[in-house]
């Protein structure tokens, strides 16, 4: 598979995972807001609580936690598993000492591979351009090298398994 196809498949898988994570974050943030409004009746907290800020702050942390916990346990996220058959494997060319996904818990590799998601917290403070910059840089890396910078740092590679593509 060429890098453009890999970029498309990874982008769709990432969008699926982000959508699932966002639904949970929105439900929690607006549930807290509802609780403050209807149960607590705390006017001072109600006026200070900005749901948009909370979603922008909590969302990336929740998405990072979700992707890291799934990948560290050797599993694939729903976007990788159901739609795109994209496993994360050790990059043997780099000679990494990281364990491949699916063998044992690899929390360090999963954290390094997904820590770029935490950059999106900056958007909560009005720097929305950071998200666009990360997307453009990652797209360029994937088109040229087939991996983004944090895949390289973690010694991982997302591959399309041929046996799963044929089924």
C-alpha atoms as a PDB file:
ATOM      1  CA  UNK A   1       0.000   0.000   0.000  1.00  0.00           C
ATOM      2  CA  UNK A   2       1.302   3.433  -0.858  1.00  0.00           C
ATOM      3  CA  UNK A   3       1.734   6.188   1.711  1.00  0.00           C
ATOM      4  CA  UNK A   4      -1.241   8.216   0.409  1.00  0.00           C
ATOM      5  CA  UNK A   5      -3.528   5.238   0.994  1.00  0.00           C
ATOM      6  CA  UNK A   6      -2.034   4.722   4.442  1.00  0.00           C
ATOM      7  CA  UNK A   7      -2.572   8.408   5.265  1.00  0.00           C
ATOM      8  CA  UNK A   8      -6.219   8.153   4.227  1.00  0.00           C
ATOM      9  CA  UNK A   9      -6.827   4.973   6.219  1.00  0.00           C
ATOM     10  CA  UNK A  10      -5.055   6.331   9.330  1.00  0.00           C
ATOM     11  CA  UNK A  11      -6.974   9.598   9.062  1.00  0.00           C
ATOM     12  CA  UNK A  12     -10.329   7.815   8.889  1.00  0.00           C
ATOM     13  CA  UNK A  13      -9.399   5.539  11.797  1.00  0.00           C
ATOM     14  CA  UNK A  14      -8.255   8.523  13.862  1.00  0.00           C
ATOM     15  CA  UNK A  15     -11.525  10.341  13.082  1.00  0.00           C
ATOM     16  CA  UNK A  16     -13.575   7.322  14.201  1.00  0.00           C
ATOM     17  CA  UNK A  17     -11.649   7.061  17.477  1.00  0.00           C
ATOM     18  CA  UNK A  18     -11.849  10.811  18.083  1.00  0.00           C
ATOM     19  CA  UNK A  19     -15.604  10.794  17.480  1.00  0.00           C
ATOM     20  CA  UNK A  20     -16.165   7.988  20.000  1.00  0.00           C
ATOM     21  CA  UNK A  21     -13.960   9.694  22.583  1.00  0.00           C
ATOM     22  CA  UNK A  22     -15.647  13.069  22.001  1.00  0.00           C
ATOM     23  CA  UNK A  23     -19.108  11.643  22.593  1.00  0.00           C
ATOM     24  CA  UNK A  24     -18.018  10.392  26.010  1.00  0.00           C
ATOM     25  CA  UNK A  25     -16.272  13.681  26.898  1.00  0.00           C
ATOM     26  CA  UNK A  26     -19.280  15.760  25.850  1.00  0.00           C
ATOM     27  CA  UNK A  27     -21.616  13.580  27.867  1.00  0.00           C
ATOM     28  CA  UNK A  28     -19.444  13.900  30.979  1.00  0.00           C
ATOM     29  CA  UNK A  29     -18.863  17.663  30.661  1.00  0.00           C
ATOM     30  CA  UNK A  30     -22.489  18.486  29.985  1.00  0.00           C
ATOM     31  CA  UNK A  31     -23.600  16.025  32.683  1.00  0.00           C
ATOM     32  CA  UNK A  32     -21.432  17.927  35.176  1.00  0.00           C
ATOM     33  CA  UNK A  33     -22.879  21.196  33.906  1.00  0.00           C
ATOM     34  CA  UNK A  34     -26.411  19.849  34.303  1.00  0.00           C
ATOM     35  CA  UNK A  35     -25.585  18.693  37.819  1.00  0.00           C
ATOM     36  CA  UNK A  36     -24.259  22.116  38.739  1.00  0.00           C
ATOM     37  CA  UNK A  37     -27.320  23.823  37.254  1.00  0.00           C
ATOM     38  CA  UNK A  38     -30.049  21.566  38.637  1.00  0.00           C
ATOM     39  CA  UNK A  39     -28.753  19.786  41.686  1.00  0.00           C
ATOM     40  CA  UNK A  40     -26.192  22.039  43.285  1.00  0.00           C
ATOM     41  CA  UNK A  41     -27.654  25.425  42.460  1.00  0.00           C
ATOM     42  CA  UNK A  42     -24.247  27.043  42.916  1.00  0.00           C
ATOM     43  CA  UNK A  43     -24.559  30.272  40.943  1.00  0.00           C
ATOM     44  CA  UNK A  44     -20.881  31.216  41.303  1.00  0.00           C
ATOM     45  CA  UNK A  45     -19.658  27.909  39.893  1.00  0.00           C
ATOM     46  CA  UNK A  46     -22.341  27.921  37.214  1.00  0.00           C
ATOM     47  CA  UNK A  47     -21.194  31.263  35.858  1.00  0.00           C
ATOM     48  CA  UNK A  48     -17.506  30.298  35.986  1.00  0.00           C
ATOM     49  CA  UNK A  49     -18.009  26.895  34.314  1.00  0.00           C
ATOM     50  CA  UNK A  50     -17.453  27.220  30.561  1.00  0.00           C
ATOM     51  CA  UNK A  51     -18.393  23.935  28.838  1.00  0.00           C
ATOM     52  CA  UNK A  52     -16.475  24.776  25.651  1.00  0.00           C
ATOM     53  CA  UNK A  53     -13.274  25.384  27.598  1.00  0.00           C
ATOM     54  CA  UNK A  54     -13.816  22.195  29.595  1.00  0.00           C
ATOM     55  CA  UNK A  55     -14.330  20.125  26.432  1.00  0.00           C
ATOM     56  CA  UNK A  56     -11.208  21.625  24.821  1.00  0.00           C
ATOM     57  CA  UNK A  57      -9.181  20.950  27.944  1.00  0.00           C
ATOM     58  CA  UNK A  58     -10.510  17.508  28.911  1.00  0.00           C
ATOM     59  CA  UNK A  59     -11.055  16.176  25.370  1.00  0.00           C
ATOM     60  CA  UNK A  60      -7.424  15.734  24.320  1.00  0.00           C
ATOM     61  CA  UNK A  61      -6.486  14.227  27.686  1.00  0.00           C
ATOM     62  CA  UNK A  62      -9.352  11.735  27.434  1.00  0.00           C
ATOM     63  CA  UNK A  63      -8.489  10.896  23.808  1.00  0.00           C
ATOM     64  CA  UNK A  64      -4.813  10.398  24.717  1.00  0.00           C
ATOM     65  CA  UNK A  65      -5.789   8.165  27.655  1.00  0.00           C
ATOM     66  CA  UNK A  66      -8.158   6.126  25.487  1.00  0.00           C
ATOM     67  CA  UNK A  67      -5.688   5.518  22.639  1.00  0.00           C
ATOM     68  CA  UNK A  68      -2.768   4.875  24.984  1.00  0.00           C
ATOM     69  CA  UNK A  69      -4.625   2.392  27.175  1.00  0.00           C
ATOM     70  CA  UNK A  70      -5.953   0.434  24.195  1.00  0.00           C
ATOM     71  CA  UNK A  71      -2.633   0.295  22.329  1.00  0.00           C
ATOM     72  CA  UNK A  72      -0.543  -0.402  25.448  1.00  0.00           C
ATOM     73  CA  UNK A  73      -2.574  -3.532  26.129  1.00  0.00           C
ATOM     74  CA  UNK A  74      -1.818  -4.844  22.641  1.00  0.00           C
ATOM     75  CA  UNK A  75      -5.266  -4.138  21.252  1.00  0.00           C
ATOM     76  CA  UNK A  76      -6.427  -1.950  18.414  1.00  0.00           C
ATOM     77  CA  UNK A  77      -8.738   1.024  18.728  1.00  0.00           C
ATOM     78  CA  UNK A  78     -12.205   0.729  17.139  1.00  0.00           C
ATOM     79  CA  UNK A  79     -11.084   2.832  14.171  1.00  0.00           C
ATOM     80  CA  UNK A  80      -8.098   0.568  13.579  1.00  0.00           C
ATOM     81  CA  UNK A  81      -9.942  -2.681  14.258  1.00  0.00           C
ATOM     82  CA  UNK A  82     -13.334  -2.384  12.594  1.00  0.00           C
ATOM     83  CA  UNK A  83     -12.643  -0.184   9.629  1.00  0.00           C
ATOM     84  CA  UNK A  84      -8.988  -0.214   8.731  1.00  0.00           C
ATOM     85  CA  UNK A  85      -7.202  -3.321  10.004  1.00  0.00           C
ATOM     86  CA  UNK A  86      -4.234  -1.253  11.170  1.00  0.00           C
ATOM     87  CA  UNK A  87      -2.036  -2.952  13.766  1.00  0.00           C
ATOM     88  CA  UNK A  88       0.854  -1.130  15.409  1.00  0.00           C
ATOM     89  CA  UNK A  89       4.082  -3.101  15.207  1.00  0.00           C
ATOM     90  CA  UNK A  90       7.713  -2.665  16.130  1.00  0.00           C
ATOM     91  CA  UNK A  91       9.797  -1.074  13.423  1.00  0.00           C
ATOM     92  CA  UNK A  92      12.458  -3.740  12.913  1.00  0.00           C
ATOM     93  CA  UNK A  93      14.440  -1.449  10.600  1.00  0.00           C
ATOM     94  CA  UNK A  94      15.129   0.948  13.465  1.00  0.00           C
ATOM     95  CA  UNK A  95      16.194  -1.890  15.752  1.00  0.00           C
ATOM     96  CA  UNK A  96      13.909  -0.657  18.489  1.00  0.00           C
ATOM     97  CA  UNK A  97      13.807  -2.344  21.840  1.00  0.00           C
ATOM     98  CA  UNK A  98      10.064  -1.686  22.080  1.00  0.00           C
ATOM     99  CA  UNK A  99       7.759  -4.668  22.389  1.00  0.00           C
ATOM    100  CA  UNK A 100       5.301  -5.213  19.538  1.00  0.00           C
ATOM    101  CA  UNK A 101       1.642  -4.583  20.226  1.00  0.00           C
ATOM    102  CA  UNK A 102      -0.184  -7.740  21.130  1.00  0.00           C
ATOM    103  CA  UNK A 103       2.560  -9.338  23.219  1.00  0.00           C
ATOM    104  CA  UNK A 104       2.774  -7.599  26.610  1.00  0.00           C
ATOM    105  CA  UNK A 105       1.832  -4.235  27.997  1.00  0.00           C
ATOM    106  CA  UNK A 106       3.859  -1.529  26.274  1.00  0.00           C
ATOM    107  CA  UNK A 107       2.796   1.607  28.097  1.00  0.00           C
ATOM    108  CA  UNK A 108       5.963   3.554  27.295  1.00  0.00           C
ATOM    109  CA  UNK A 109       5.738   3.013  23.555  1.00  0.00           C
ATOM    110  CA  UNK A 110       2.004   3.770  23.485  1.00  0.00           C
ATOM    111  CA  UNK A 111       2.493   6.963  25.492  1.00  0.00           C
ATOM    112  CA  UNK A 112       5.303   8.209  23.252  1.00  0.00           C
ATOM    113  CA  UNK A 113       3.370   7.303  20.108  1.00  0.00           C
ATOM    114  CA  UNK A 114       0.243   9.194  21.200  1.00  0.00           C
ATOM    115  CA  UNK A 115       1.646  12.107  23.234  1.00  0.00           C
ATOM    116  CA  UNK A 116       1.158  14.517  20.314  1.00  0.00           C
ATOM    117  CA  UNK A 117      -2.566  14.447  21.179  1.00  0.00           C
ATOM    118  CA  UNK A 118      -1.761  16.394  24.344  1.00  0.00           C
ATOM    119  CA  UNK A 119      -0.629  19.311  22.147  1.00  0.00           C
ATOM    120  CA  UNK A 120      -4.309  19.862  21.366  1.00  0.00           C
ATOM    121  CA  UNK A 121      -4.857  21.119  24.944  1.00  0.00           C
ATOM    122  CA  UNK A 122      -3.243  24.346  23.727  1.00  0.00           C
ATOM    123  CA  UNK A 123      -6.360  24.966  21.607  1.00  0.00           C
ATOM    124  CA  UNK A 124      -8.336  25.455  24.838  1.00  0.00           C
ATOM    125  CA  UNK A 125      -6.340  28.631  25.391  1.00  0.00           C
ATOM    126  CA  UNK A 126      -7.084  30.119  21.958  1.00  0.00           C
ATOM    127  CA  UNK A 127      -4.270  28.643  19.876  1.00  0.00           C
ATOM    128  CA  UNK A 128      -6.397  26.703  17.384  1.00  0.00           C
ATOM    129  CA  UNK A 129      -3.664  26.916  14.742  1.00  0.00           C
ATOM    130  CA  UNK A 130      -1.702  24.263  16.682  1.00  0.00           C
ATOM    131  CA  UNK A 131      -4.183  21.582  15.590  1.00  0.00           C
ATOM    132  CA  UNK A 132      -3.810  22.574  11.930  1.00  0.00           C
ATOM    133  CA  UNK A 133      -0.018  22.644  12.215  1.00  0.00           C
ATOM    134  CA  UNK A 134       0.116  19.157  13.756  1.00  0.00           C
ATOM    135  CA  UNK A 135      -2.194  17.751  11.080  1.00  0.00           C
ATOM    136  CA  UNK A 136      -0.155  19.279   8.242  1.00  0.00           C
ATOM    137  CA  UNK A 137       3.204  18.107   9.663  1.00  0.00           C
ATOM    138  CA  UNK A 138       1.899  14.610  10.339  1.00  0.00           C
ATOM    139  CA  UNK A 139       0.311  14.340   6.880  1.00  0.00           C
ATOM    140  CA  UNK A 140       3.623  15.359   5.284  1.00  0.00           C
ATOM    141  CA  UNK A 141       5.572  12.815   7.342  1.00  0.00           C
ATOM    142  CA  UNK A 142       3.124  10.007   6.551  1.00  0.00           C
ATOM    143  CA  UNK A 143       3.110  10.854   2.827  1.00  0.00           C
ATOM    144  CA  UNK A 144       6.911  10.862   2.659  1.00  0.00           C
ATOM    145  CA  UNK A 145       7.967   8.274   5.274  1.00  0.00           C
ATOM    146  CA  UNK A 146       4.792   6.320   5.992  1.00  0.00           C
ATOM    147  CA  UNK A 147       5.028   7.285   9.701  1.00  0.00           C
ATOM    148  CA  UNK A 148       4.555  10.387  11.813  1.00  0.00           C
ATOM    149  CA  UNK A 149       7.326  11.781  14.071  1.00  0.00           C
ATOM    150  CA  UNK A 150       6.026  10.116  17.225  1.00  0.00           C
ATOM    151  CA  UNK A 151       5.821   6.725  15.494  1.00  0.00           C
ATOM    152  CA  UNK A 152       9.512   7.182  14.760  1.00  0.00           C
ATOM    153  CA  UNK A 153      10.324   8.203  18.352  1.00  0.00           C
ATOM    154  CA  UNK A 154       8.450   5.176  19.707  1.00  0.00           C
ATOM    155  CA  UNK A 155      10.045   2.838  17.167  1.00  0.00           C
ATOM    156  CA  UNK A 156       6.599   1.816  15.930  1.00  0.00           C
ATOM    157  CA  UNK A 157       4.995   1.506  12.544  1.00  0.00           C
ATOM    158  CA  UNK A 158       1.320   1.254  11.634  1.00  0.00           C
ATOM    159  CA  UNK A 159       0.903  -1.363   8.955  1.00  0.00           C
ATOM    160  CA  UNK A 160      -1.954  -2.779   6.942  1.00  0.00           C
ATOM    161  CA  UNK A 161      -1.770  -6.512   7.514  1.00  0.00           C
ATOM    162  CA  UNK A 162      -2.131  -8.251   4.125  1.00  0.00           C
ATOM    163  CA  UNK A 163      -3.933 -11.264   5.569  1.00  0.00           C
ATOM    164  CA  UNK A 164      -6.590  -9.010   7.071  1.00  0.00           C
ATOM    165  CA  UNK A 165      -6.967  -6.969   3.882  1.00  0.00           C
ATOM    166  CA  UNK A 166      -7.866 -10.047   1.853  1.00  0.00           C
ATOM    167  CA  UNK A 167     -10.621 -11.259   4.170  1.00  0.00           C
END
